[in-house]
Structures are given as C-alpha cells and as structure tokens.
Amino acid sequence: MTELKSLQNHLLIAMPSLDDPYFERSLTYICEHNDEGAMGIVINQPSTMTLKQLLEQTDKEIEVTEDKREQIILAGGPVSQERGFVLHSDQGQWGSSLTLADNIVVTTSKDILTAIGTNAGPDKSVIALGYAGWSAGQLEKELQENAWLTIEADTDILFNLPIHEKWQAAVNKLGIDVWQLTPGVGHA
C-alpha cells in the first residue's frame, strides 16, 4: 500500500465534467488531509450574505466600516453551513487559529470577524460559511475518478483575485487546456 500524499495547502480544481451543483467549477483550499479524511473551504462560491449582514447576526453593536460592508461571504461547503471560517494572512493574535502554511491561517473565532469589519483585521482574508469534507479514502477515490485536479496553494489566487476569476486562474497555472481533458479514466 502506498503512503498517503497529503494535499494540505493545495487547491482542488473541479474538472469541467464535475456536475455536482455545489462543486461545479469550484476551487477548494485544502486545510487538512490525512488518512482519516480531508477538510477544505470552497473559495470561489459566493453566498447570499455580506459581511455587514453576518456581523449584524453576531454582534449588533459593531459599526462595520464602509469599505467592508459589502464584502462577500463565501459558501465554503455543504457541511456545517452555520459555522464560519476565515482564511487569512498571518497577522494578529486571534482565538481559535491554526497556521496552515506560510502566511495562511484559518481562524474560527468571532473576534476576527469584528476586527475585519472595523479594518483592524489581517490585510488579506476570505470569510466562508461551511466547509467541504471527505471521509477516509473518499478524496483519493474522487481524484482517481478525475473529478479534481490539484495545484499547490497560491496566495494570490486565494486572497487577491475576484471570486469569479479564481477557478480559471488555477486552471491556467496547470499550463494545459482543461477543456481538452476527458472525464473518464484512461487505460493504455
């Protein structure tokens, strides 16, 4: 049996043939991947909520700065959609944070939301509700079935690009025409 190659700090690129309504043309940042399964946050699917609306639900006293009010909250995945996750650059001390890679941290505590809403948070961040999860061996099986392609995480794609450009930018990093790939697994 081969040893599992962890995809932590990688991006999962949905193949064009993936027609799952939630993951179609999705780009997912993998936060954790081990022999027990995987956990990731979809970084290019907008929810219907803005940061102002989210903070109104969690802290009615907060006055969100003008430039942060309309920040889009992402639909991070179909699991635990009531839970918030913030992927951000490595600045500040927040409760419930875990460093995932150089300059990529995930935080699940409310204090960072308030800080972001008042421009006291990290320079770069994406906020998501929910996450994507895979049980042991499930992600590996989906990779073998050509549902996903992978690349190492890219902070420019993660933090700087508009949501609607992220999937194509990740595909472009592969250096291939993804539309020419077939959905089936081939045998020579």
N, C-alpha and C. Protein backbone atom coordinates (compact mmCIF):
# COMPACT_ATOMS: atom_id res chain seq x y z
N MET A 1 0.84 -1.18 0.00
CA MET A 1 0.00 0.00 0.00
C MET A 1 0.89 1.24 0.00
N THR A 2 0.53 2.24 -0.80
CA THR A 2 1.33 3.45 -0.89
C THR A 2 0.97 4.41 0.23
N GLU A 3 1.98 5.20 0.61
CA GLU A 3 1.75 6.19 1.67
C GLU A 3 0.94 7.35 1.10
N LEU A 4 0.03 7.86 1.91
CA LEU A 4 -0.83 8.97 1.52
C LEU A 4 0.01 10.24 1.33
N LYS A 5 -0.15 10.90 0.19
CA LYS A 5 0.48 12.19 -0.03
C LYS A 5 -0.54 13.25 0.36
N SER A 6 -0.24 13.98 1.41
CA SER A 6 -1.18 14.98 1.90
C SER A 6 -1.34 16.12 0.90
N LEU A 7 -2.58 16.54 0.73
CA LEU A 7 -2.89 17.67 -0.14
C LEU A 7 -3.16 18.94 0.67
N GLN A 8 -2.79 18.92 1.96
CA GLN A 8 -2.93 20.14 2.75
C GLN A 8 -2.16 21.26 2.06
N ASN A 9 -2.72 22.45 2.08
CA ASN A 9 -2.16 23.63 1.43
C ASN A 9 -2.09 23.47 -0.09
N HIS A 10 -3.07 22.78 -0.65
CA HIS A 10 -3.25 22.66 -2.09
C HIS A 10 -4.64 23.18 -2.45
N LEU A 11 -4.82 23.45 -3.73
CA LEU A 11 -6.13 23.83 -4.24
C LEU A 11 -6.67 22.67 -5.06
N LEU A 12 -7.92 22.32 -4.82
CA LEU A 12 -8.63 21.33 -5.63
C LEU A 12 -9.40 22.09 -6.69
N ILE A 13 -9.14 21.75 -7.93
CA ILE A 13 -9.81 22.39 -9.06
C ILE A 13 -10.84 21.41 -9.60
N ALA A 14 -12.10 21.80 -9.57
CA ALA A 14 -13.14 20.91 -10.11
C ALA A 14 -12.97 20.78 -11.61
N MET A 15 -12.99 19.55 -12.10
CA MET A 15 -12.93 19.30 -13.53
C MET A 15 -14.20 19.85 -14.18
N PRO A 16 -14.11 20.29 -15.43
CA PRO A 16 -15.30 20.81 -16.11
C PRO A 16 -16.45 19.80 -16.15
N SER A 17 -16.11 18.52 -16.12
CA SER A 17 -17.15 17.48 -16.18
C SER A 17 -17.85 17.25 -14.83
N LEU A 18 -17.33 17.82 -13.75
CA LEU A 18 -17.95 17.64 -12.43
C LEU A 18 -19.25 18.43 -12.42
N ASP A 19 -20.37 17.71 -12.36
CA ASP A 19 -21.67 18.39 -12.46
C ASP A 19 -22.43 18.43 -11.14
N ASP A 20 -21.76 18.17 -10.04
CA ASP A 20 -22.38 18.33 -8.73
C ASP A 20 -22.77 19.80 -8.58
N PRO A 21 -24.02 20.10 -8.26
CA PRO A 21 -24.44 21.51 -8.21
C PRO A 21 -23.63 22.36 -7.23
N TYR A 22 -23.13 21.75 -6.18
CA TYR A 22 -22.37 22.53 -5.21
C TYR A 22 -20.93 22.75 -5.64
N PHE A 23 -20.34 21.78 -6.29
CA PHE A 23 -18.91 21.83 -6.59
C PHE A 23 -18.58 22.14 -8.06
N GLU A 24 -19.59 22.36 -8.89
CA GLU A 24 -19.33 22.67 -10.29
C GLU A 24 -18.46 23.93 -10.39
N ARG A 25 -17.35 23.81 -11.11
CA ARG A 25 -16.36 24.89 -11.30
C ARG A 25 -15.89 25.48 -9.96
N SER A 26 -15.80 24.65 -8.97
CA SER A 26 -15.35 25.13 -7.65
C SER A 26 -13.83 25.05 -7.53
N LEU A 27 -13.33 25.85 -6.61
CA LEU A 27 -11.92 25.84 -6.24
C LEU A 27 -11.89 25.75 -4.72
N THR A 28 -11.25 24.72 -4.20
CA THR A 28 -11.29 24.45 -2.77
C THR A 28 -9.89 24.45 -2.19
N TYR A 29 -9.70 25.23 -1.12
CA TYR A 29 -8.43 25.23 -0.40
C TYR A 29 -8.48 24.09 0.62
N ILE A 30 -7.51 23.18 0.56
CA ILE A 30 -7.48 22.04 1.48
C ILE A 30 -6.74 22.44 2.76
N CYS A 31 -7.48 22.47 3.86
CA CYS A 31 -6.94 22.83 5.17
C CYS A 31 -6.29 21.65 5.86
N GLU A 32 -6.87 20.47 5.66
CA GLU A 32 -6.36 19.27 6.33
C GLU A 32 -6.60 18.06 5.43
N HIS A 33 -5.61 17.17 5.38
CA HIS A 33 -5.75 15.94 4.61
C HIS A 33 -4.83 14.90 5.22
N ASN A 34 -5.44 13.83 5.72
CA ASN A 34 -4.66 12.75 6.32
C ASN A 34 -5.40 11.44 6.08
N ASP A 35 -4.95 10.37 6.73
CA ASP A 35 -5.58 9.07 6.49
C ASP A 35 -7.00 8.96 7.06
N GLU A 36 -7.44 9.96 7.80
CA GLU A 36 -8.81 9.98 8.33
C GLU A 36 -9.78 10.73 7.43
N GLY A 37 -9.25 11.44 6.43
CA GLY A 37 -10.11 12.19 5.51
C GLY A 37 -9.52 13.54 5.19
N ALA A 38 -10.37 14.43 4.69
CA ALA A 38 -9.91 15.76 4.29
C ALA A 38 -10.97 16.80 4.61
N MET A 39 -10.50 18.04 4.78
CA MET A 39 -11.38 19.18 5.05
C MET A 39 -10.87 20.35 4.23
N GLY A 40 -11.78 21.02 3.54
CA GLY A 40 -11.39 22.17 2.74
C GLY A 40 -12.47 23.24 2.74
N ILE A 41 -12.11 24.40 2.22
CA ILE A 41 -13.03 25.52 2.13
C ILE A 41 -13.10 25.97 0.68
N VAL A 42 -14.30 25.96 0.12
CA VAL A 42 -14.51 26.42 -1.25
C VAL A 42 -14.29 27.94 -1.24
N ILE A 43 -13.43 28.41 -2.15
CA ILE A 43 -13.03 29.82 -2.12
C ILE A 43 -13.56 30.64 -3.30
N ASN A 44 -14.48 30.06 -4.07
CA ASN A 44 -14.99 30.82 -5.21
C ASN A 44 -16.50 30.71 -5.40
N GLN A 45 -17.22 30.34 -4.37
CA GLN A 45 -18.67 30.27 -4.45
C GLN A 45 -19.28 31.28 -3.48
N PRO A 46 -19.88 32.35 -3.99
CA PRO A 46 -20.44 33.36 -3.10
C PRO A 46 -21.71 32.85 -2.42
N SER A 47 -21.91 33.28 -1.18
CA SER A 47 -23.19 33.04 -0.52
C SER A 47 -24.07 34.25 -0.84
N THR A 48 -25.21 34.33 -0.23
CA THR A 48 -26.09 35.48 -0.44
C THR A 48 -25.88 36.53 0.65
N MET A 49 -24.86 36.36 1.48
CA MET A 49 -24.65 37.22 2.64
C MET A 49 -23.42 38.10 2.48
N THR A 50 -23.51 39.30 3.03
CA THR A 50 -22.36 40.21 3.07
C THR A 50 -21.80 40.21 4.50
N LEU A 51 -20.62 40.79 4.66
CA LEU A 51 -20.01 40.88 5.99
C LEU A 51 -20.90 41.69 6.93
N LYS A 52 -21.48 42.76 6.44
CA LYS A 52 -22.38 43.56 7.28
C LYS A 52 -23.53 42.71 7.81
N GLN A 53 -24.15 41.92 6.94
CA GLN A 53 -25.27 41.07 7.36
C GLN A 53 -24.82 40.01 8.35
N LEU A 54 -23.66 39.42 8.13
CA LEU A 54 -23.14 38.41 9.05
C LEU A 54 -22.87 39.02 10.42
N LEU A 55 -22.23 40.19 10.43
CA LEU A 55 -21.92 40.82 11.72
C LEU A 55 -23.18 41.30 12.44
N GLU A 56 -24.21 41.66 11.70
CA GLU A 56 -25.48 42.02 12.34
C GLU A 56 -26.07 40.84 13.10
N GLN A 57 -25.81 39.63 12.63
CA GLN A 57 -26.30 38.42 13.30
C GLN A 57 -25.46 38.07 14.52
N THR A 58 -24.19 38.44 14.51
CA THR A 58 -23.30 38.01 15.60
C THR A 58 -22.99 39.12 16.60
N ASP A 59 -23.04 40.38 16.18
CA ASP A 59 -22.66 41.48 17.06
C ASP A 59 -23.38 42.75 16.61
N LYS A 60 -24.57 42.98 17.15
CA LYS A 60 -25.39 44.10 16.73
C LYS A 60 -24.76 45.46 17.07
N GLU A 61 -23.83 45.48 17.98
CA GLU A 61 -23.19 46.74 18.41
C GLU A 61 -22.11 47.22 17.45
N ILE A 62 -21.60 46.36 16.62
CA ILE A 62 -20.46 46.70 15.77
C ILE A 62 -20.87 47.63 14.63
N GLU A 63 -20.07 48.61 14.36
CA GLU A 63 -20.28 49.51 13.22
C GLU A 63 -19.27 49.13 12.14
N VAL A 64 -19.74 48.47 11.11
CA VAL A 64 -18.88 47.99 10.03
C VAL A 64 -18.45 49.17 9.17
N THR A 65 -17.15 49.23 8.87
CA THR A 65 -16.64 50.33 8.04
C THR A 65 -17.22 50.22 6.62
N GLU A 66 -17.33 51.37 6.00
CA GLU A 66 -17.95 51.48 4.68
C GLU A 66 -17.34 50.51 3.67
N ASP A 67 -16.02 50.40 3.64
CA ASP A 67 -15.36 49.57 2.63
C ASP A 67 -15.50 48.07 2.89
N LYS A 68 -15.99 47.68 4.06
CA LYS A 68 -16.14 46.25 4.38
C LYS A 68 -17.59 45.77 4.35
N ARG A 69 -18.53 46.67 4.30
CA ARG A 69 -19.96 46.30 4.41
C ARG A 69 -20.40 45.29 3.36
N GLU A 70 -19.96 45.48 2.14
CA GLU A 70 -20.43 44.62 1.04
C GLU A 70 -19.49 43.47 0.74
N GLN A 71 -18.48 43.24 1.59
CA GLN A 71 -17.59 42.10 1.37
C GLN A 71 -18.42 40.82 1.33
N ILE A 72 -18.21 40.03 0.29
CA ILE A 72 -19.00 38.81 0.08
C ILE A 72 -18.52 37.71 1.01
N ILE A 73 -19.47 37.05 1.64
CA ILE A 73 -19.19 35.86 2.44
C ILE A 73 -19.32 34.67 1.49
N LEU A 74 -18.37 33.77 1.53
CA LEU A 74 -18.36 32.62 0.64
C LEU A 74 -19.19 31.47 1.19
N ALA A 75 -19.69 30.65 0.29
CA ALA A 75 -20.32 29.38 0.65
C ALA A 75 -19.18 28.36 0.66
N GLY A 76 -18.60 28.11 1.83
CA GLY A 76 -17.39 27.33 1.96
C GLY A 76 -17.55 25.84 1.77
N GLY A 77 -18.78 25.36 1.76
CA GLY A 77 -19.03 23.94 1.56
C GLY A 77 -20.36 23.54 2.15
N PRO A 78 -20.79 22.34 1.85
CA PRO A 78 -22.11 21.90 2.29
C PRO A 78 -22.20 21.42 3.74
N VAL A 79 -21.06 21.32 4.43
CA VAL A 79 -21.04 20.80 5.80
C VAL A 79 -21.03 21.97 6.79
N SER A 80 -21.84 21.90 7.83
CA SER A 80 -21.88 22.90 8.91
C SER A 80 -21.93 24.33 8.38
N GLN A 81 -22.93 24.61 7.59
CA GLN A 81 -23.04 25.92 6.95
C GLN A 81 -23.33 27.05 7.93
N GLU A 82 -23.57 26.73 9.17
CA GLU A 82 -23.77 27.75 10.19
C GLU A 82 -22.45 28.15 10.85
N ARG A 83 -21.37 27.44 10.56
CA ARG A 83 -20.05 27.74 11.13
C ARG A 83 -19.23 28.59 10.20
N GLY A 84 -18.54 29.57 10.76
CA GLY A 84 -17.72 30.46 9.97
C GLY A 84 -16.25 30.08 10.02
N PHE A 85 -15.57 30.28 8.89
CA PHE A 85 -14.15 30.02 8.76
C PHE A 85 -13.52 31.22 8.05
N VAL A 86 -12.41 31.71 8.59
CA VAL A 86 -11.71 32.82 7.97
C VAL A 86 -10.31 32.33 7.59
N LEU A 87 -10.03 32.33 6.30
CA LEU A 87 -8.67 32.09 5.82
C LEU A 87 -8.04 33.46 5.70
N HIS A 88 -6.85 33.63 6.28
CA HIS A 88 -6.26 34.97 6.29
C HIS A 88 -4.74 34.92 6.33
N SER A 89 -4.17 36.09 6.04
CA SER A 89 -2.72 36.24 6.15
C SER A 89 -2.35 36.20 7.63
N ASP A 90 -1.11 35.96 7.89
CA ASP A 90 -0.64 35.70 9.26
C ASP A 90 -0.32 37.00 10.00
N GLN A 91 -1.36 37.66 10.50
CA GLN A 91 -1.16 38.86 11.29
C GLN A 91 -2.14 38.84 12.47
N GLY A 92 -1.68 39.30 13.59
CA GLY A 92 -2.55 39.40 14.76
C GLY A 92 -2.69 38.09 15.51
N GLN A 93 -3.23 38.19 16.67
CA GLN A 93 -3.50 37.04 17.52
C GLN A 93 -5.00 36.90 17.69
N TRP A 94 -5.55 35.85 17.15
CA TRP A 94 -6.99 35.63 17.22
C TRP A 94 -7.24 34.32 17.96
N GLY A 95 -8.37 34.22 18.59
CA GLY A 95 -8.73 32.97 19.23
C GLY A 95 -9.00 31.91 18.18
N SER A 96 -8.77 30.67 18.48
CA SER A 96 -9.08 29.53 17.61
C SER A 96 -8.46 29.64 16.22
N SER A 97 -7.17 29.84 16.18
CA SER A 97 -6.44 29.93 14.91
C SER A 97 -5.49 28.75 14.75
N LEU A 98 -5.29 28.36 13.50
CA LEU A 98 -4.37 27.30 13.16
C LEU A 98 -3.59 27.72 11.93
N THR A 99 -2.26 27.75 12.04
CA THR A 99 -1.42 28.08 10.90
C THR A 99 -1.37 26.87 9.97
N LEU A 100 -1.71 27.11 8.70
CA LEU A 100 -1.75 26.03 7.71
C LEU A 100 -0.53 26.02 6.81
N ALA A 101 0.03 27.19 6.55
CA ALA A 101 1.20 27.34 5.69
C ALA A 101 1.75 28.74 5.92
N ASP A 102 2.89 29.04 5.28
CA ASP A 102 3.42 30.39 5.37
C ASP A 102 2.37 31.38 4.92
N ASN A 103 2.01 32.28 5.81
CA ASN A 103 1.08 33.35 5.51
C ASN A 103 -0.35 32.89 5.19
N ILE A 104 -0.72 31.68 5.64
CA ILE A 104 -2.11 31.22 5.53
C ILE A 104 -2.52 30.60 6.86
N VAL A 105 -3.51 31.22 7.46
CA VAL A 105 -4.03 30.80 8.76
C VAL A 105 -5.53 30.64 8.63
N VAL A 106 -6.11 29.69 9.35
CA VAL A 106 -7.56 29.59 9.43
C VAL A 106 -7.97 29.90 10.87
N THR A 107 -8.98 30.73 11.00
CA THR A 107 -9.49 31.12 12.31
C THR A 107 -11.00 30.91 12.32
N THR A 108 -11.50 30.41 13.45
CA THR A 108 -12.93 30.13 13.57
C THR A 108 -13.60 30.94 14.67
N SER A 109 -12.89 31.87 15.28
CA SER A 109 -13.48 32.64 16.38
C SER A 109 -14.09 33.95 15.88
N LYS A 110 -15.07 34.42 16.61
CA LYS A 110 -15.81 35.62 16.24
C LYS A 110 -14.97 36.89 16.31
N ASP A 111 -13.93 36.90 17.14
CA ASP A 111 -13.15 38.14 17.31
C ASP A 111 -12.53 38.62 16.01
N ILE A 112 -12.16 37.72 15.12
CA ILE A 112 -11.55 38.14 13.86
C ILE A 112 -12.58 38.79 12.94
N LEU A 113 -13.84 38.35 13.00
CA LEU A 113 -14.87 38.97 12.17
C LEU A 113 -15.07 40.43 12.53
N THR A 114 -15.14 40.70 13.82
CA THR A 114 -15.27 42.07 14.29
C THR A 114 -14.08 42.91 13.84
N ALA A 115 -12.88 42.35 13.97
CA ALA A 115 -11.67 43.06 13.57
C ALA A 115 -11.69 43.36 12.07
N ILE A 116 -12.08 42.39 11.25
CA ILE A 116 -12.14 42.61 9.81
C ILE A 116 -13.17 43.69 9.48
N GLY A 117 -14.31 43.65 10.14
CA GLY A 117 -15.38 44.61 9.89
C GLY A 117 -15.02 46.04 10.26
N THR A 118 -14.03 46.20 11.13
CA THR A 118 -13.62 47.55 11.55
C THR A 118 -12.23 47.91 11.03
N ASN A 119 -11.75 47.18 10.04
CA ASN A 119 -10.42 47.39 9.44
C ASN A 119 -9.27 47.20 10.43
N ALA A 120 -9.48 46.38 11.45
CA ALA A 120 -8.42 46.09 12.41
C ALA A 120 -7.93 44.64 12.25
N GLY A 121 -8.40 43.97 11.22
CA GLY A 121 -8.06 42.57 11.00
C GLY A 121 -6.85 42.41 10.11
N PRO A 122 -6.60 41.18 9.68
CA PRO A 122 -5.47 40.90 8.80
C PRO A 122 -5.63 41.61 7.45
N ASP A 123 -4.51 41.85 6.79
CA ASP A 123 -4.53 42.53 5.49
C ASP A 123 -5.35 41.76 4.46
N LYS A 124 -5.19 40.45 4.43
CA LYS A 124 -5.84 39.60 3.43
C LYS A 124 -6.71 38.57 4.13
N SER A 125 -7.94 38.41 3.65
CA SER A 125 -8.82 37.40 4.24
C SER A 125 -9.95 37.04 3.30
N VAL A 126 -10.43 35.81 3.46
CA VAL A 126 -11.67 35.36 2.86
C VAL A 126 -12.49 34.71 3.98
N ILE A 127 -13.77 35.01 3.99
CA ILE A 127 -14.66 34.52 5.04
C ILE A 127 -15.67 33.58 4.39
N ALA A 128 -15.84 32.41 5.00
CA ALA A 128 -16.75 31.41 4.44
C ALA A 128 -17.64 30.82 5.53
N LEU A 129 -18.82 30.43 5.13
CA LEU A 129 -19.72 29.67 6.00
C LEU A 129 -19.77 28.25 5.47
N GLY A 130 -19.46 27.30 6.33
CA GLY A 130 -19.46 25.90 5.95
C GLY A 130 -18.12 25.45 5.40
N TYR A 131 -18.01 24.15 5.19
CA TYR A 131 -16.79 23.58 4.65
C TYR A 131 -17.11 22.32 3.86
N ALA A 132 -16.13 21.84 3.12
CA ALA A 132 -16.25 20.59 2.37
C ALA A 132 -15.48 19.52 3.13
N GLY A 133 -16.06 18.36 3.26
CA GLY A 133 -15.39 17.28 3.99
C GLY A 133 -15.44 15.98 3.22
N TRP A 134 -14.39 15.20 3.38
CA TRP A 134 -14.28 13.90 2.74
C TRP A 134 -13.90 12.88 3.80
N SER A 135 -14.53 11.73 3.79
CA SER A 135 -14.18 10.66 4.73
C SER A 135 -12.90 9.98 4.25
N ALA A 136 -12.37 9.09 5.06
CA ALA A 136 -11.12 8.39 4.74
C ALA A 136 -11.22 7.75 3.35
N GLY A 137 -10.27 8.07 2.48
CA GLY A 137 -10.19 7.48 1.15
C GLY A 137 -11.12 8.10 0.11
N GLN A 138 -12.08 8.90 0.54
CA GLN A 138 -13.07 9.46 -0.40
C GLN A 138 -12.43 10.43 -1.39
N LEU A 139 -11.61 11.34 -0.93
CA LEU A 139 -10.98 12.30 -1.82
C LEU A 139 -10.04 11.58 -2.80
N GLU A 140 -9.29 10.62 -2.31
CA GLU A 140 -8.39 9.86 -3.18
C GLU A 140 -9.17 9.16 -4.29
N LYS A 141 -10.33 8.60 -3.94
CA LYS A 141 -11.18 7.94 -4.93
C LYS A 141 -11.68 8.94 -5.97
N GLU A 142 -12.10 10.12 -5.52
CA GLU A 142 -12.58 11.15 -6.44
C GLU A 142 -11.45 11.64 -7.36
N LEU A 143 -10.22 11.70 -6.83
CA LEU A 143 -9.08 12.08 -7.66
C LEU A 143 -8.83 11.02 -8.73
N GLN A 144 -8.92 9.75 -8.36
CA GLN A 144 -8.73 8.66 -9.33
C GLN A 144 -9.81 8.67 -10.40
N GLU A 145 -10.99 9.15 -10.05
CA GLU A 145 -12.11 9.22 -10.99
C GLU A 145 -12.07 10.51 -11.83
N ASN A 146 -11.01 11.27 -11.71
CA ASN A 146 -10.82 12.52 -12.46
C ASN A 146 -11.87 13.58 -12.17
N ALA A 147 -12.34 13.66 -10.93
CA ALA A 147 -13.25 14.73 -10.55
C ALA A 147 -12.50 16.02 -10.26
N TRP A 148 -11.23 15.89 -9.85
CA TRP A 148 -10.44 17.05 -9.41
C TRP A 148 -9.05 17.03 -10.01
N LEU A 149 -8.50 18.22 -10.15
CA LEU A 149 -7.08 18.42 -10.42
C LEU A 149 -6.53 19.18 -9.21
N THR A 150 -5.23 19.13 -8.98
CA THR A 150 -4.67 19.81 -7.83
C THR A 150 -3.45 20.65 -8.22
N ILE A 151 -3.27 21.74 -7.50
CA ILE A 151 -2.06 22.55 -7.58
C ILE A 151 -1.73 23.00 -6.16
N GLU A 152 -0.47 23.36 -5.95
CA GLU A 152 -0.12 23.93 -4.65
C GLU A 152 -0.87 25.24 -4.47
N ALA A 153 -1.23 25.53 -3.24
CA ALA A 153 -1.97 26.76 -2.96
C ALA A 153 -1.17 27.97 -3.42
N ASP A 154 -1.89 28.97 -3.87
CA ASP A 154 -1.30 30.21 -4.37
C ASP A 154 -2.01 31.35 -3.64
N THR A 155 -1.26 32.11 -2.84
CA THR A 155 -1.90 33.16 -2.03
C THR A 155 -2.48 34.27 -2.90
N ASP A 156 -1.94 34.47 -4.11
CA ASP A 156 -2.52 35.48 -5.00
C ASP A 156 -3.93 35.06 -5.41
N ILE A 157 -4.08 33.80 -5.81
CA ILE A 157 -5.41 33.30 -6.16
C ILE A 157 -6.31 33.31 -4.93
N LEU A 158 -5.80 32.85 -3.82
CA LEU A 158 -6.59 32.75 -2.59
C LEU A 158 -7.11 34.10 -2.12
N PHE A 159 -6.24 35.10 -2.07
CA PHE A 159 -6.61 36.36 -1.43
C PHE A 159 -6.85 37.54 -2.37
N ASN A 160 -6.23 37.56 -3.53
CA ASN A 160 -6.24 38.79 -4.33
C ASN A 160 -7.20 38.81 -5.51
N LEU A 161 -7.52 37.66 -6.07
CA LEU A 161 -8.36 37.66 -7.26
C LEU A 161 -9.85 37.74 -6.91
N PRO A 162 -10.63 38.36 -7.79
CA PRO A 162 -12.09 38.33 -7.60
C PRO A 162 -12.59 36.89 -7.66
N ILE A 163 -13.66 36.62 -6.97
CA ILE A 163 -14.21 35.26 -6.87
C ILE A 163 -14.39 34.62 -8.24
N HIS A 164 -14.96 35.35 -9.19
CA HIS A 164 -15.28 34.78 -10.49
C HIS A 164 -14.05 34.49 -11.35
N GLU A 165 -12.86 34.91 -10.95
CA GLU A 165 -11.64 34.65 -11.71
C GLU A 165 -10.78 33.52 -11.12
N LYS A 166 -11.10 33.06 -9.93
CA LYS A 166 -10.22 32.13 -9.23
C LYS A 166 -10.09 30.77 -9.91
N TRP A 167 -11.19 30.18 -10.34
CA TRP A 167 -11.14 28.85 -10.95
C TRP A 167 -10.28 28.87 -12.21
N GLN A 168 -10.53 29.86 -13.08
CA GLN A 168 -9.77 29.94 -14.33
C GLN A 168 -8.30 30.21 -14.06
N ALA A 169 -7.99 31.03 -13.08
CA ALA A 169 -6.58 31.31 -12.75
C ALA A 169 -5.87 30.04 -12.28
N ALA A 170 -6.56 29.23 -11.49
CA ALA A 170 -5.97 27.97 -11.04
C ALA A 170 -5.76 27.03 -12.22
N VAL A 171 -6.73 26.95 -13.11
CA VAL A 171 -6.61 26.12 -14.31
C VAL A 171 -5.42 26.60 -15.15
N ASN A 172 -5.27 27.90 -15.29
CA ASN A 172 -4.17 28.46 -16.09
C ASN A 172 -2.81 28.08 -15.51
N LYS A 173 -2.71 27.96 -14.19
CA LYS A 173 -1.44 27.56 -13.57
C LYS A 173 -1.02 26.14 -13.97
N LEU A 174 -1.98 25.32 -14.35
CA LEU A 174 -1.67 23.95 -14.78
C LEU A 174 -0.93 23.94 -16.11
N GLY A 175 -1.15 24.96 -16.93
CA GLY A 175 -0.47 25.03 -18.21
C GLY A 175 -1.05 24.10 -19.27
N ILE A 176 -2.28 23.66 -19.07
CA ILE A 176 -2.94 22.79 -20.05
C ILE A 176 -4.31 23.35 -20.37
N ASP A 177 -4.89 22.86 -21.46
CA ASP A 177 -6.25 23.23 -21.80
C ASP A 177 -7.18 22.20 -21.14
N VAL A 178 -7.73 22.59 -20.02
CA VAL A 178 -8.54 21.65 -19.23
C VAL A 178 -9.78 21.18 -20.00
N TRP A 179 -10.20 21.95 -20.98
CA TRP A 179 -11.39 21.57 -21.77
C TRP A 179 -11.08 20.41 -22.72
N GLN A 180 -9.79 20.12 -22.92
CA GLN A 180 -9.40 19.02 -23.79
C GLN A 180 -9.29 17.70 -23.03
N LEU A 181 -9.36 17.76 -21.70
CA LEU A 181 -9.27 16.55 -20.89
C LEU A 181 -10.60 15.80 -20.92
N THR A 182 -10.51 14.48 -20.91
CA THR A 182 -11.72 13.67 -20.89
C THR A 182 -12.07 13.35 -19.43
N PRO A 183 -13.36 13.20 -19.15
CA PRO A 183 -13.77 12.92 -17.78
C PRO A 183 -13.46 11.51 -17.30
N GLY A 184 -13.31 10.56 -18.19
CA GLY A 184 -13.07 9.18 -17.79
C GLY A 184 -11.61 8.90 -17.53
N VAL A 185 -11.39 7.83 -16.81
CA VAL A 185 -10.02 7.39 -16.53
C VAL A 185 -9.59 6.51 -17.70
N GLY A 186 -8.43 6.82 -18.26
CA GLY A 186 -7.96 6.06 -19.41
C GLY A 186 -7.05 4.92 -19.03
N HIS A 187 -6.95 3.95 -19.90
CA HIS A 187 -6.06 2.81 -19.70
C HIS A 187 -5.27 2.63 -21.00
N ALA A 188 -3.97 2.58 -20.86
CA ALA A 188 -3.12 2.41 -22.07
C ALA A 188 -2.89 0.95 -22.34
